[in-house]
Amino acid sequence: MGFSASVRPIHQDLARALAALLRERGIANHEPRPIFVGAHNERLTRFGATHIVRRAAAKAVAIRPDLAEKPISPHIFRHSLAMKLLQSGVDLLTIQAWLGHAQVATTHRYAAADVEMMRNGLEKAGIEGNYGARFRPTDAVLQLLNSI
């Protein structure tokens, strides 16, 4: 997985916190140095980020034990952002740009997986029906599908 610089809009509070971190670390504006570093002062790897998130999650579980069963990782943060944007009506090309996906087909997986949005789409289109029930195939249907 390669590294490429990218620009994203961020909340003002986050911008202030990042500016303070840059000052603390002695990094000038637009200086090509990583903001987040590991133990050896090199760019933080995805494994390093995962370690930090897991440590923070363990601390959170002490306060909120119900979080113990939740999968918490940097990828889950990305996934949650993508789903929140999608469910808020943001188009796939914008979500693709946010996530940095080279192909919109990669981003499309989020849309295909959201059954609730499918139900909402049917309701908005005025298509009547009870969409709360899930299809439960019989053994015969499963055998037929497996034979294909």
C-alpha atoms as a PDB file:
ATOM      1  CA  MET A   1       0.000   0.000   0.000  1.00  0.00           C
ATOM      2  CA  GLY A   2       1.594   3.254  -1.125  1.00  0.00           C
ATOM      3  CA  PHE A   3       1.537   6.617   0.556  1.00  0.00           C
ATOM      4  CA  SER A   4       0.172   9.683  -1.143  1.00  0.00           C
ATOM      5  CA  ALA A   5      -0.552  13.113   0.251  1.00  0.00           C
ATOM      6  CA  SER A   6      -4.165  14.210   0.181  1.00  0.00           C
ATOM      7  CA  VAL A   7      -6.264  17.165   1.265  1.00  0.00           C
ATOM      8  CA  ARG A   8      -9.462  16.766   3.279  1.00  0.00           C
ATOM      9  CA  PRO A   9     -11.691  19.336   4.988  1.00  0.00           C
ATOM     10  CA  ILE A  10     -11.495  18.989   8.773  1.00  0.00           C
ATOM     11  CA  HIS A  11     -13.330  20.450  11.748  1.00  0.00           C
ATOM     12  CA  GLN A  12     -11.895  23.664  13.180  1.00  0.00           C
ATOM     13  CA  ASP A  13     -11.211  22.015  16.563  1.00  0.00           C
ATOM     14  CA  LEU A  14      -9.199  19.282  14.857  1.00  0.00           C
ATOM     15  CA  ALA A  15      -7.286  21.887  12.829  1.00  0.00           C
ATOM     16  CA  ARG A  16      -6.322  23.673  16.059  1.00  0.00           C
ATOM     17  CA  ALA A  17      -5.237  20.419  17.712  1.00  0.00           C
ATOM     18  CA  LEU A  18      -3.130  19.461  14.682  1.00  0.00           C
ATOM     19  CA  ALA A  19      -1.554  22.940  14.549  1.00  0.00           C
ATOM     20  CA  ALA A  20      -0.606  22.597  18.229  1.00  0.00           C
ATOM     21  CA  LEU A  21       0.892  19.158  17.547  1.00  0.00           C
ATOM     22  CA  LEU A  22       2.925  20.558  14.637  1.00  0.00           C
ATOM     23  CA  ARG A  23       4.238  23.385  16.848  1.00  0.00           C
ATOM     24  CA  GLU A  24       5.051  20.921  19.637  1.00  0.00           C
ATOM     25  CA  ARG A  25       6.993  18.706  17.214  1.00  0.00           C
ATOM     26  CA  GLY A  26       8.718  21.659  15.521  1.00  0.00           C
ATOM     27  CA  ILE A  27       7.177  21.037  12.097  1.00  0.00           C
ATOM     28  CA  ALA A  28       6.699  24.106   9.905  1.00  0.00           C
ATOM     29  CA  ASN A  29       3.618  24.520   7.678  1.00  0.00           C
ATOM     30  CA  HIS A  30       3.875  22.494   4.475  1.00  0.00           C
ATOM     31  CA  GLU A  31       7.079  20.802   5.659  1.00  0.00           C
ATOM     32  CA  PRO A  32       7.165  17.293   4.145  1.00  0.00           C
ATOM     33  CA  ARG A  33       7.415  15.415   7.442  1.00  0.00           C
ATOM     34  CA  PRO A  34       4.882  12.980   8.865  1.00  0.00           C
ATOM     35  CA  ILE A  35       2.541  14.370  11.494  1.00  0.00           C
ATOM     36  CA  PHE A  36       2.008  11.041  13.227  1.00  0.00           C
ATOM     37  CA  VAL A  37       5.106   9.029  14.052  1.00  0.00           C
ATOM     38  CA  GLY A  38       5.945   5.785  15.798  1.00  0.00           C
ATOM     39  CA  ALA A  39       8.603   4.928  18.366  1.00  0.00           C
ATOM     40  CA  HIS A  40      11.471   5.518  15.906  1.00  0.00           C
ATOM     41  CA  ASN A  41      10.178   8.924  14.772  1.00  0.00           C
ATOM     42  CA  GLU A  42       9.160   7.512  11.382  1.00  0.00           C
ATOM     43  CA  ARG A  43       5.743   7.728   9.716  1.00  0.00           C
ATOM     44  CA  LEU A  44       3.183   5.794  11.746  1.00  0.00           C
ATOM     45  CA  THR A  45       2.351   2.497  10.050  1.00  0.00           C
ATOM     46  CA  ARG A  46      -1.147   1.062   9.849  1.00  0.00           C
ATOM     47  CA  PHE A  47      -0.027  -1.517  12.434  1.00  0.00           C
ATOM     48  CA  GLY A  48       1.108   1.286  14.739  1.00  0.00           C
ATOM     49  CA  ALA A  49      -2.217   3.065  14.271  1.00  0.00           C
ATOM     50  CA  THR A  50      -4.079  -0.175  15.033  1.00  0.00           C
ATOM     51  CA  HIS A  51      -2.025  -0.616  18.220  1.00  0.00           C
ATOM     52  CA  ILE A  52      -2.850   2.920  19.374  1.00  0.00           C
ATOM     53  CA  VAL A  53      -6.565   2.499  18.624  1.00  0.00           C
ATOM     54  CA  ARG A  54      -6.678  -0.841  20.474  1.00  0.00           C
ATOM     55  CA  ARG A  55      -4.994   0.690  23.536  1.00  0.00           C
ATOM     56  CA  ALA A  56      -7.501   3.556  23.523  1.00  0.00           C
ATOM     57  CA  ALA A  57     -10.370   1.075  23.074  1.00  0.00           C
ATOM     58  CA  ALA A  58      -9.161  -0.924  26.079  1.00  0.00           C
ATOM     59  CA  LYS A  59      -9.260   2.252  28.187  1.00  0.00           C
ATOM     60  CA  ALA A  60     -12.744   3.047  26.886  1.00  0.00           C
ATOM     61  CA  VAL A  61     -13.972  -0.429  27.874  1.00  0.00           C
ATOM     62  CA  ALA A  62     -13.083   0.369  31.495  1.00  0.00           C
ATOM     63  CA  ILE A  63     -15.642   3.187  31.329  1.00  0.00           C
ATOM     64  CA  ARG A  64     -18.101   1.563  28.907  1.00  0.00           C
ATOM     65  CA  PRO A  65     -17.968  -2.259  29.307  1.00  0.00           C
ATOM     66  CA  ASP A  66     -20.521  -2.671  26.480  1.00  0.00           C
ATOM     67  CA  LEU A  67     -17.765  -1.646  24.043  1.00  0.00           C
ATOM     68  CA  ALA A  68     -15.836  -4.846  24.786  1.00  0.00           C
ATOM     69  CA  GLU A  69     -17.821  -6.765  22.165  1.00  0.00           C
ATOM     70  CA  LYS A  70     -17.469  -4.065  19.493  1.00  0.00           C
ATOM     71  CA  PRO A  71     -14.834  -4.370  16.780  1.00  0.00           C
ATOM     72  CA  ILE A  72     -12.783  -1.168  17.064  1.00  0.00           C
ATOM     73  CA  SER A  73      -9.999  -0.478  14.582  1.00  0.00           C
ATOM     74  CA  PRO A  74      -8.845   2.251  12.189  1.00  0.00           C
ATOM     75  CA  HIS A  75     -10.666   0.385   9.411  1.00  0.00           C
ATOM     76  CA  ILE A  76     -13.905   0.496  11.420  1.00  0.00           C
ATOM     77  CA  PHE A  77     -13.498   4.286  11.676  1.00  0.00           C
ATOM     78  CA  ARG A  78     -13.195   4.492   7.863  1.00  0.00           C
ATOM     79  CA  HIS A  79     -16.128   2.137   7.388  1.00  0.00           C
ATOM     80  CA  SER A  80     -18.275   4.083   9.871  1.00  0.00           C
ATOM     81  CA  LEU A  81     -17.495   7.356   8.105  1.00  0.00           C
ATOM     82  CA  ALA A  82     -18.363   5.842   4.726  1.00  0.00           C
ATOM     83  CA  MET A  83     -21.664   4.443   6.001  1.00  0.00           C
ATOM     84  CA  LYS A  84     -22.607   7.695   7.773  1.00  0.00           C
ATOM     85  CA  LEU A  85     -21.932   9.674   4.584  1.00  0.00           C
ATOM     86  CA  LEU A  86     -23.844   7.148   2.485  1.00  0.00           C
ATOM     87  CA  GLN A  87     -26.849   7.073   4.827  1.00  0.00           C
ATOM     88  CA  SER A  88     -26.862  10.886   4.851  1.00  0.00           C
ATOM     89  CA  GLY A  89     -27.338  10.898   1.091  1.00  0.00           C
ATOM     90  CA  VAL A  90     -23.778  11.745   0.030  1.00  0.00           C
ATOM     91  CA  ASP A  91     -23.043  10.456  -3.482  1.00  0.00           C
ATOM     92  CA  LEU A  92     -20.583   7.610  -4.087  1.00  0.00           C
ATOM     93  CA  LEU A  93     -18.058   9.781  -5.962  1.00  0.00           C
ATOM     94  CA  THR A  94     -17.722  12.100  -2.958  1.00  0.00           C
ATOM     95  CA  ILE A  95     -17.361   9.125  -0.608  1.00  0.00           C
ATOM     96  CA  GLN A  96     -14.786   7.640  -2.995  1.00  0.00           C
ATOM     97  CA  ALA A  97     -12.791  10.885  -2.764  1.00  0.00           C
ATOM     98  CA  TRP A  98     -13.010  10.891   1.040  1.00  0.00           C
ATOM     99  CA  LEU A  99     -11.783   7.317   1.311  1.00  0.00           C
ATOM    100  CA  GLY A 100      -9.136   7.697  -1.377  1.00  0.00           C
ATOM    101  CA  HIS A 101     -10.375   4.734  -3.404  1.00  0.00           C
ATOM    102  CA  ALA A 102      -8.922   4.590  -6.919  1.00  0.00           C
ATOM    103  CA  GLN A 103     -12.053   2.871  -8.258  1.00  0.00           C
ATOM    104  CA  VAL A 104     -15.656   3.760  -7.434  1.00  0.00           C
ATOM    105  CA  ALA A 105     -16.401   0.007  -7.550  1.00  0.00           C
ATOM    106  CA  THR A 106     -14.484  -0.338  -4.278  1.00  0.00           C
ATOM    107  CA  THR A 107     -16.679   2.326  -2.689  1.00  0.00           C
ATOM    108  CA  HIS A 108     -19.813   0.764  -4.183  1.00  0.00           C
ATOM    109  CA  ARG A 109     -19.434  -2.198  -1.802  1.00  0.00           C
ATOM    110  CA  TYR A 110     -20.635   0.068   1.013  1.00  0.00           C
ATOM    111  CA  ALA A 111     -23.817   0.929  -0.885  1.00  0.00           C
ATOM    112  CA  ALA A 112     -24.507  -2.681  -1.847  1.00  0.00           C
ATOM    113  CA  ALA A 113     -24.227  -3.814   1.760  1.00  0.00           C
ATOM    114  CA  ASP A 114     -26.719  -1.366   3.264  1.00  0.00           C
ATOM    115  CA  VAL A 115     -30.092  -3.129   3.380  1.00  0.00           C
ATOM    116  CA  GLU A 116     -31.676  -0.272   5.343  1.00  0.00           C
ATOM    117  CA  MET A 117     -30.936   2.144   2.512  1.00  0.00           C
ATOM    118  CA  MET A 118     -32.508  -0.320   0.077  1.00  0.00           C
ATOM    119  CA  ARG A 119     -35.682  -0.361   2.175  1.00  0.00           C
ATOM    120  CA  ASN A 120     -35.702   3.440   2.377  1.00  0.00           C
ATOM    121  CA  GLY A 121     -35.297   3.643  -1.397  1.00  0.00           C
ATOM    122  CA  LEU A 122     -38.358   1.467  -1.926  1.00  0.00           C
ATOM    123  CA  GLU A 123     -40.378   3.595   0.491  1.00  0.00           C
ATOM    124  CA  LYS A 124     -39.272   6.847  -1.206  1.00  0.00           C
ATOM    125  CA  ALA A 125     -40.280   5.369  -4.562  1.00  0.00           C
ATOM    126  CA  GLY A 126     -43.742   4.667  -3.152  1.00  0.00           C
ATOM    127  CA  ILE A 127     -43.422   0.901  -3.517  1.00  0.00           C
ATOM    128  CA  GLU A 128     -45.736  -0.628  -0.943  1.00  0.00           C
ATOM    129  CA  GLY A 129     -44.849  -3.653   1.130  1.00  0.00           C
ATOM    130  CA  ASN A 130     -43.607  -5.030   4.416  1.00  0.00           C
ATOM    131  CA  TYR A 131     -39.821  -4.867   4.208  1.00  0.00           C
ATOM    132  CA  GLY A 132     -39.114  -5.853   7.798  1.00  0.00           C
ATOM    133  CA  ALA A 133     -39.030  -9.593   7.163  1.00  0.00           C
ATOM    134  CA  ARG A 134     -35.903 -11.346   5.924  1.00  0.00           C
ATOM    135  CA  PHE A 135     -36.037 -14.090   3.329  1.00  0.00           C
ATOM    136  CA  ARG A 136     -35.286 -17.492   4.826  1.00  0.00           C
ATOM    137  CA  PRO A 137     -34.661 -20.048   2.082  1.00  0.00           C
ATOM    138  CA  THR A 138     -35.846 -23.620   2.511  1.00  0.00           C
ATOM    139  CA  ASP A 139     -33.415 -26.537   2.289  1.00  0.00           C
ATOM    140  CA  ALA A 140     -34.657 -27.215  -1.254  1.00  0.00           C
ATOM    141  CA  VAL A 141     -33.839 -23.661  -2.345  1.00  0.00           C
ATOM    142  CA  LEU A 142     -30.391 -23.882  -0.750  1.00  0.00           C
ATOM    143  CA  GLN A 143     -29.727 -27.209  -2.511  1.00  0.00           C
ATOM    144  CA  LEU A 144     -30.748 -25.678  -5.832  1.00  0.00           C
ATOM    145  CA  LEU A 145     -28.478 -22.656  -5.316  1.00  0.00           C
ATOM    146  CA  ASN A 146     -25.559 -24.862  -4.280  1.00  0.00           C
ATOM    147  CA  SER A 147     -25.983 -26.991  -7.403  1.00  0.00           C
ATOM    148  CA  ILE A 148     -25.606 -24.003  -9.734  1.00  0.00           C
END
